[in-house]
Amino acid sequence: MWQIAKPGYDEGVGACGSIGLIALSVDRAFESDIHDFIGDAPGVGIFTTRIAMEPVASPESLAALEGHLDGCARLLVPGTKLDVVAFGCTSGAIAIGLDKVAQIIRNARPGVEVATPIGAAVKAFEVLGAKRISLLAPYRVPVAEMVAAHFEAEGLVIDRRMTFDLDGDPDINRLSVAALVEEGKRAMHEDSDALFISCTGLRTAGVVETLERELGKPVVTSNQALAWQCMRLLSGQGEAAGIGSLNRTGAS
């Protein structure tokens, strides 16, 4: 006969805040890079689900993410509280529309804050006082142009734009730190206030500090900005790991 143990409870995982991540099904880099940027944040729980995505990123395949977004948001530890839901695709957020992304996620998870990489990057440039940027992307040109056009619509000047011209995450995830540093230096225009490295599928936690030392200017990446914004949205309680100028500004 089984004896019944007496349970005792504490606040559980995420006592200081809970972040839900929506990662692309084909991605192998986003989740670990976000964890590196957030660092050791006591009491912060991070939970991940996946959204169906084609291996090739095109304006059409990115826009198709919209149809899966509601279901993915509902799969994030259902029945428990989340403070922030982060959509892990820079170009996908643009293809769907930032307001639409937020609306779909909040319909599925009422009351959550919503963060996107591109929205977080625009906020990051405001905090850094950057009005002119250089842009390094991994995508095919039509997708890279979506990112550039979004920044320009937000009033940013792009002094130089470069892309690795890759199909999607199977290749993007494999780009090395050495390649990102080398091409990041080439991408940076002398008139720019900051460099942006786009795409949540890139491993950039090991890139930012090296490039900032080489360039003498701030470097912002999709995952860095997203992690920074998520931690800021935890009722102002969270602090991201101190990687890069963005995380050392002390501004909210």
Protein backbone atom coordinates (compact mmCIF):
# COMPACT_ATOMS: atom_id res chain seq x y z
CA MET A 1 0.00 0.00 0.00
CA TRP A 2 1.26 3.45 -0.90
CA GLN A 3 1.70 5.97 1.88
CA ILE A 4 0.89 9.59 1.03
CA ALA A 5 3.72 12.11 1.40
CA LYS A 6 2.89 15.57 2.67
CA PRO A 7 3.77 18.19 0.03
CA GLY A 8 5.40 21.51 0.80
CA TYR A 9 5.55 24.31 -1.73
CA ASP A 10 7.64 27.35 -2.48
CA GLU A 11 7.26 29.92 -5.26
CA GLY A 12 8.73 27.53 -7.82
CA VAL A 13 10.68 28.37 -10.97
CA GLY A 14 10.34 31.99 -12.02
CA ALA A 15 9.65 33.51 -8.61
CA CYS A 16 11.05 36.86 -9.82
CA GLY A 17 9.61 36.67 -13.32
CA SER A 18 8.90 34.31 -16.19
CA ILE A 19 9.91 34.75 -19.82
CA GLY A 20 8.44 32.67 -22.64
CA LEU A 21 10.50 32.27 -25.81
CA ILE A 22 9.02 31.37 -29.19
CA ALA A 23 11.84 29.88 -31.26
CA LEU A 24 11.80 28.85 -34.91
CA SER A 25 11.51 25.09 -35.40
CA VAL A 26 14.61 25.04 -37.63
CA ASP A 27 16.78 27.12 -35.27
CA ARG A 28 19.69 25.72 -33.23
CA ALA A 29 21.21 28.96 -31.90
CA PHE A 30 18.54 31.32 -30.55
CA GLU A 31 17.74 29.71 -27.22
CA SER A 32 21.33 29.24 -26.03
CA ASP A 33 22.32 32.73 -27.17
CA ILE A 34 19.43 34.30 -25.23
CA HIS A 35 20.48 32.38 -22.11
CA ASP A 36 24.04 33.68 -22.56
CA PHE A 37 22.83 37.27 -22.84
CA ILE A 38 20.50 37.01 -19.85
CA GLY A 39 23.12 35.26 -17.77
CA ASP A 40 22.58 34.16 -14.19
CA ALA A 41 19.38 35.95 -13.23
CA PRO A 42 18.21 34.50 -9.89
CA GLY A 43 14.52 33.76 -9.76
CA VAL A 44 13.94 34.30 -13.49
CA GLY A 45 12.41 31.37 -15.35
CA ILE A 46 12.86 30.98 -19.11
CA PHE A 47 10.55 28.64 -21.04
CA THR A 48 10.68 27.80 -24.74
CA THR A 49 8.32 26.52 -27.39
CA ARG A 50 8.79 26.15 -31.15
CA ILE A 51 6.98 27.60 -34.15
CA ALA A 52 6.91 25.84 -37.54
CA MET A 53 9.25 27.47 -40.06
CA GLU A 54 10.58 26.50 -43.48
CA PRO A 55 14.37 25.98 -43.87
CA VAL A 56 14.50 28.85 -46.37
CA ALA A 57 13.64 32.31 -45.08
CA SER A 58 11.70 34.34 -47.63
CA PRO A 59 9.15 37.10 -47.23
CA GLU A 60 6.46 34.48 -47.87
CA SER A 61 7.71 31.83 -45.42
CA LEU A 62 8.24 34.48 -42.74
CA ALA A 63 4.73 35.87 -43.19
CA ALA A 64 3.36 32.32 -42.87
CA LEU A 65 4.56 32.26 -39.24
CA GLU A 66 1.46 34.28 -38.36
CA GLY A 67 -0.77 31.25 -38.77
CA HIS A 68 1.13 29.29 -36.11
CA LEU A 69 1.73 32.05 -33.58
CA ASP A 70 -1.46 31.77 -31.53
CA GLY A 71 -1.04 28.05 -30.96
CA CYS A 72 2.60 28.42 -29.99
CA ALA A 73 1.82 31.13 -27.44
CA ARG A 74 -0.81 28.87 -25.89
CA LEU A 75 1.72 26.00 -25.60
CA LEU A 76 4.07 28.02 -23.40
CA VAL A 77 3.57 26.41 -19.97
CA PRO A 78 -0.23 26.71 -20.25
CA GLY A 79 -2.19 27.53 -17.13
CA THR A 80 0.73 29.32 -15.48
CA LYS A 81 1.73 32.97 -15.38
CA LEU A 82 4.17 34.48 -17.86
CA ASP A 83 5.40 38.06 -17.59
CA VAL A 84 6.98 38.43 -21.03
CA VAL A 85 6.68 36.50 -24.28
CA ALA A 86 9.52 37.03 -26.76
CA PHE A 87 9.04 36.21 -30.44
CA GLY A 88 12.37 34.91 -31.68
CA CYS A 89 12.52 36.07 -35.27
CA THR A 90 13.71 39.52 -36.36
CA SER A 91 12.52 39.40 -39.96
CA GLY A 92 9.44 37.35 -39.07
CA ALA A 93 8.20 40.07 -36.74
CA ILE A 94 8.50 42.55 -39.60
CA ALA A 95 6.75 40.24 -42.07
CA ILE A 96 3.80 39.74 -39.72
CA GLY A 97 3.86 43.27 -38.29
CA LEU A 98 4.94 44.13 -34.75
CA ASP A 99 1.47 45.21 -33.65
CA LYS A 100 -0.04 42.02 -35.09
CA VAL A 101 2.54 39.86 -33.29
CA ALA A 102 1.69 41.56 -30.00
CA GLN A 103 -2.06 41.26 -30.61
CA ILE A 104 -1.93 37.53 -31.39
CA ILE A 105 0.26 36.72 -28.40
CA ARG A 106 -1.82 38.80 -26.00
CA ASN A 107 -5.02 37.21 -27.27
CA ALA A 108 -3.53 33.85 -26.37
CA ARG A 109 -1.86 35.04 -23.15
CA PRO A 110 -3.75 38.03 -21.75
CA GLY A 111 -1.72 40.46 -19.71
CA VAL A 112 1.75 39.53 -20.94
CA GLU A 113 4.33 41.97 -22.20
CA VAL A 114 5.50 41.17 -25.74
CA ALA A 115 9.03 41.66 -27.06
CA THR A 116 10.36 41.35 -30.61
CA PRO A 117 13.99 41.60 -31.70
CA ILE A 118 13.40 44.44 -34.13
CA GLY A 119 11.28 46.44 -31.68
CA ALA A 120 13.90 45.89 -28.99
CA ALA A 121 16.66 47.01 -31.34
CA VAL A 122 14.88 50.29 -32.13
CA LYS A 123 14.51 50.91 -28.40
CA ALA A 124 18.16 50.04 -27.87
CA PHE A 125 19.28 52.62 -30.40
CA GLU A 126 17.13 55.24 -28.67
CA VAL A 127 18.80 54.44 -25.34
CA LEU A 128 22.26 54.53 -26.94
CA GLY A 129 21.53 57.76 -28.78
CA ALA A 130 22.33 56.11 -32.11
CA LYS A 131 20.75 57.75 -35.13
CA ARG A 132 23.03 56.36 -37.85
CA ILE A 133 23.76 52.64 -38.02
CA SER A 134 25.54 50.07 -40.10
CA LEU A 135 23.71 46.79 -40.73
CA LEU A 136 25.09 43.26 -41.04
CA ALA A 137 22.54 40.54 -41.86
CA PRO A 138 22.77 36.88 -42.86
CA TYR A 139 19.69 36.69 -45.11
CA ARG A 140 19.02 36.71 -48.82
CA VAL A 141 18.68 40.29 -50.07
CA PRO A 142 14.84 40.46 -50.14
CA VAL A 143 14.69 39.57 -46.43
CA ALA A 144 17.64 41.77 -45.52
CA GLU A 145 15.88 44.65 -47.25
CA MET A 146 12.85 44.17 -44.99
CA VAL A 147 15.04 44.80 -41.95
CA ALA A 148 16.71 47.83 -43.51
CA ALA A 149 13.36 49.30 -44.56
CA HIS A 150 11.97 48.90 -41.04
CA PHE A 151 14.87 50.80 -39.50
CA GLU A 152 14.56 53.54 -42.09
CA ALA A 153 10.84 53.84 -41.40
CA GLU A 154 11.77 54.36 -37.74
CA GLY A 155 13.97 57.31 -38.75
CA LEU A 156 17.37 55.62 -38.61
CA VAL A 157 19.96 56.27 -41.31
CA ILE A 158 21.78 53.19 -42.61
CA ASP A 159 25.28 54.14 -43.72
CA ARG A 160 26.29 50.68 -44.89
CA ARG A 161 24.42 47.41 -45.35
CA MET A 162 25.99 43.95 -45.81
CA THR A 163 24.58 40.43 -45.91
CA PHE A 164 26.01 36.90 -46.00
CA ASP A 165 23.21 36.07 -48.48
CA LEU A 166 22.21 32.75 -46.86
CA ASP A 167 18.97 30.81 -47.29
CA GLY A 168 18.00 30.22 -43.67
CA ASP A 169 18.84 28.80 -40.26
CA PRO A 170 20.57 25.58 -41.36
CA ASP A 171 23.41 27.80 -42.67
CA ILE A 172 22.86 30.89 -40.52
CA ASN A 173 23.23 28.93 -37.27
CA ARG A 174 26.66 27.72 -38.39
CA LEU A 175 28.22 31.13 -38.98
CA SER A 176 31.29 31.33 -36.78
CA VAL A 177 32.23 33.99 -34.27
CA ALA A 178 35.34 34.65 -36.38
CA ALA A 179 33.24 35.30 -39.49
CA LEU A 180 30.87 37.62 -37.63
CA VAL A 181 33.74 39.60 -36.12
CA GLU A 182 35.61 39.91 -39.41
CA GLU A 183 32.58 40.90 -41.47
CA GLY A 184 31.28 43.08 -38.65
CA LYS A 185 34.43 45.17 -38.90
CA ARG A 186 33.96 45.47 -42.66
CA ALA A 187 30.29 46.35 -42.28
CA MET A 188 30.86 49.23 -39.85
CA HIS A 189 30.86 52.65 -41.55
CA GLU A 190 32.94 55.37 -39.94
CA ASP A 191 29.96 57.72 -39.80
CA SER A 192 27.69 55.24 -38.00
CA ASP A 193 26.91 55.53 -34.29
CA ALA A 194 26.43 51.77 -33.87
CA LEU A 195 26.52 48.43 -35.68
CA PHE A 196 23.47 46.15 -35.77
CA ILE A 197 23.88 42.42 -36.39
CA SER A 198 20.47 41.09 -37.37
CA CYS A 199 18.95 37.62 -36.88
CA THR A 200 18.14 35.56 -33.81
CA GLY A 201 19.71 32.57 -35.56
CA LEU A 202 23.22 33.96 -35.09
CA ARG A 203 25.44 33.14 -32.11
CA THR A 204 26.42 36.63 -31.05
CA ALA A 205 27.05 36.53 -27.28
CA GLY A 206 30.74 35.94 -27.99
CA VAL A 207 30.91 38.62 -30.68
CA VAL A 208 29.70 41.87 -29.10
CA GLU A 209 32.55 42.66 -26.71
CA THR A 210 35.25 41.81 -29.28
CA LEU A 211 33.68 44.00 -31.95
CA GLU A 212 33.10 46.90 -29.56
CA ARG A 213 36.80 46.86 -28.63
CA GLU A 214 37.77 46.78 -32.30
CA LEU A 215 35.30 49.43 -33.45
CA GLY A 216 35.14 51.72 -30.43
CA LYS A 217 31.36 51.99 -30.89
CA PRO A 218 28.29 50.12 -29.61
CA VAL A 219 27.31 46.83 -31.21
CA VAL A 220 23.71 45.64 -30.92
CA THR A 221 22.49 42.21 -32.01
CA SER A 222 19.00 40.75 -32.32
CA ASN A 223 19.40 38.38 -29.39
CA GLN A 224 21.20 40.92 -27.22
CA ALA A 225 18.47 43.52 -27.72
CA LEU A 226 15.71 40.97 -27.17
CA ALA A 227 17.25 39.67 -23.93
CA TRP A 228 17.82 43.24 -22.71
CA GLN A 229 14.23 44.22 -23.45
CA CYS A 230 12.80 41.10 -21.81
CA MET A 231 14.67 41.78 -18.60
CA ARG A 232 13.59 45.42 -18.61
CA LEU A 233 9.98 44.34 -18.99
CA LEU A 234 10.08 42.24 -15.83
CA SER A 235 8.59 45.16 -13.89
CA GLY A 236 11.97 46.87 -13.98
CA GLN A 237 13.39 44.18 -11.69
CA GLY A 238 15.54 42.31 -14.16
CA GLU A 239 19.10 42.98 -15.22
CA ALA A 240 20.64 41.27 -18.22
CA ALA A 241 24.22 40.06 -18.19
CA GLY A 242 26.64 42.91 -18.79
CA ILE A 243 27.53 42.02 -22.37
CA GLY A 244 28.07 45.12 -24.49
CA SER A 245 27.50 48.85 -24.12
CA LEU A 246 23.74 48.39 -24.24
CA ASN A 247 23.72 46.43 -20.99
CA ARG A 248 25.97 48.96 -19.27
CA THR A 249 24.04 52.13 -20.03
CA GLY A 250 21.90 51.91 -16.90
CA ALA A 251 19.02 53.46 -18.87
CA SER A 252 15.56 51.96 -19.05
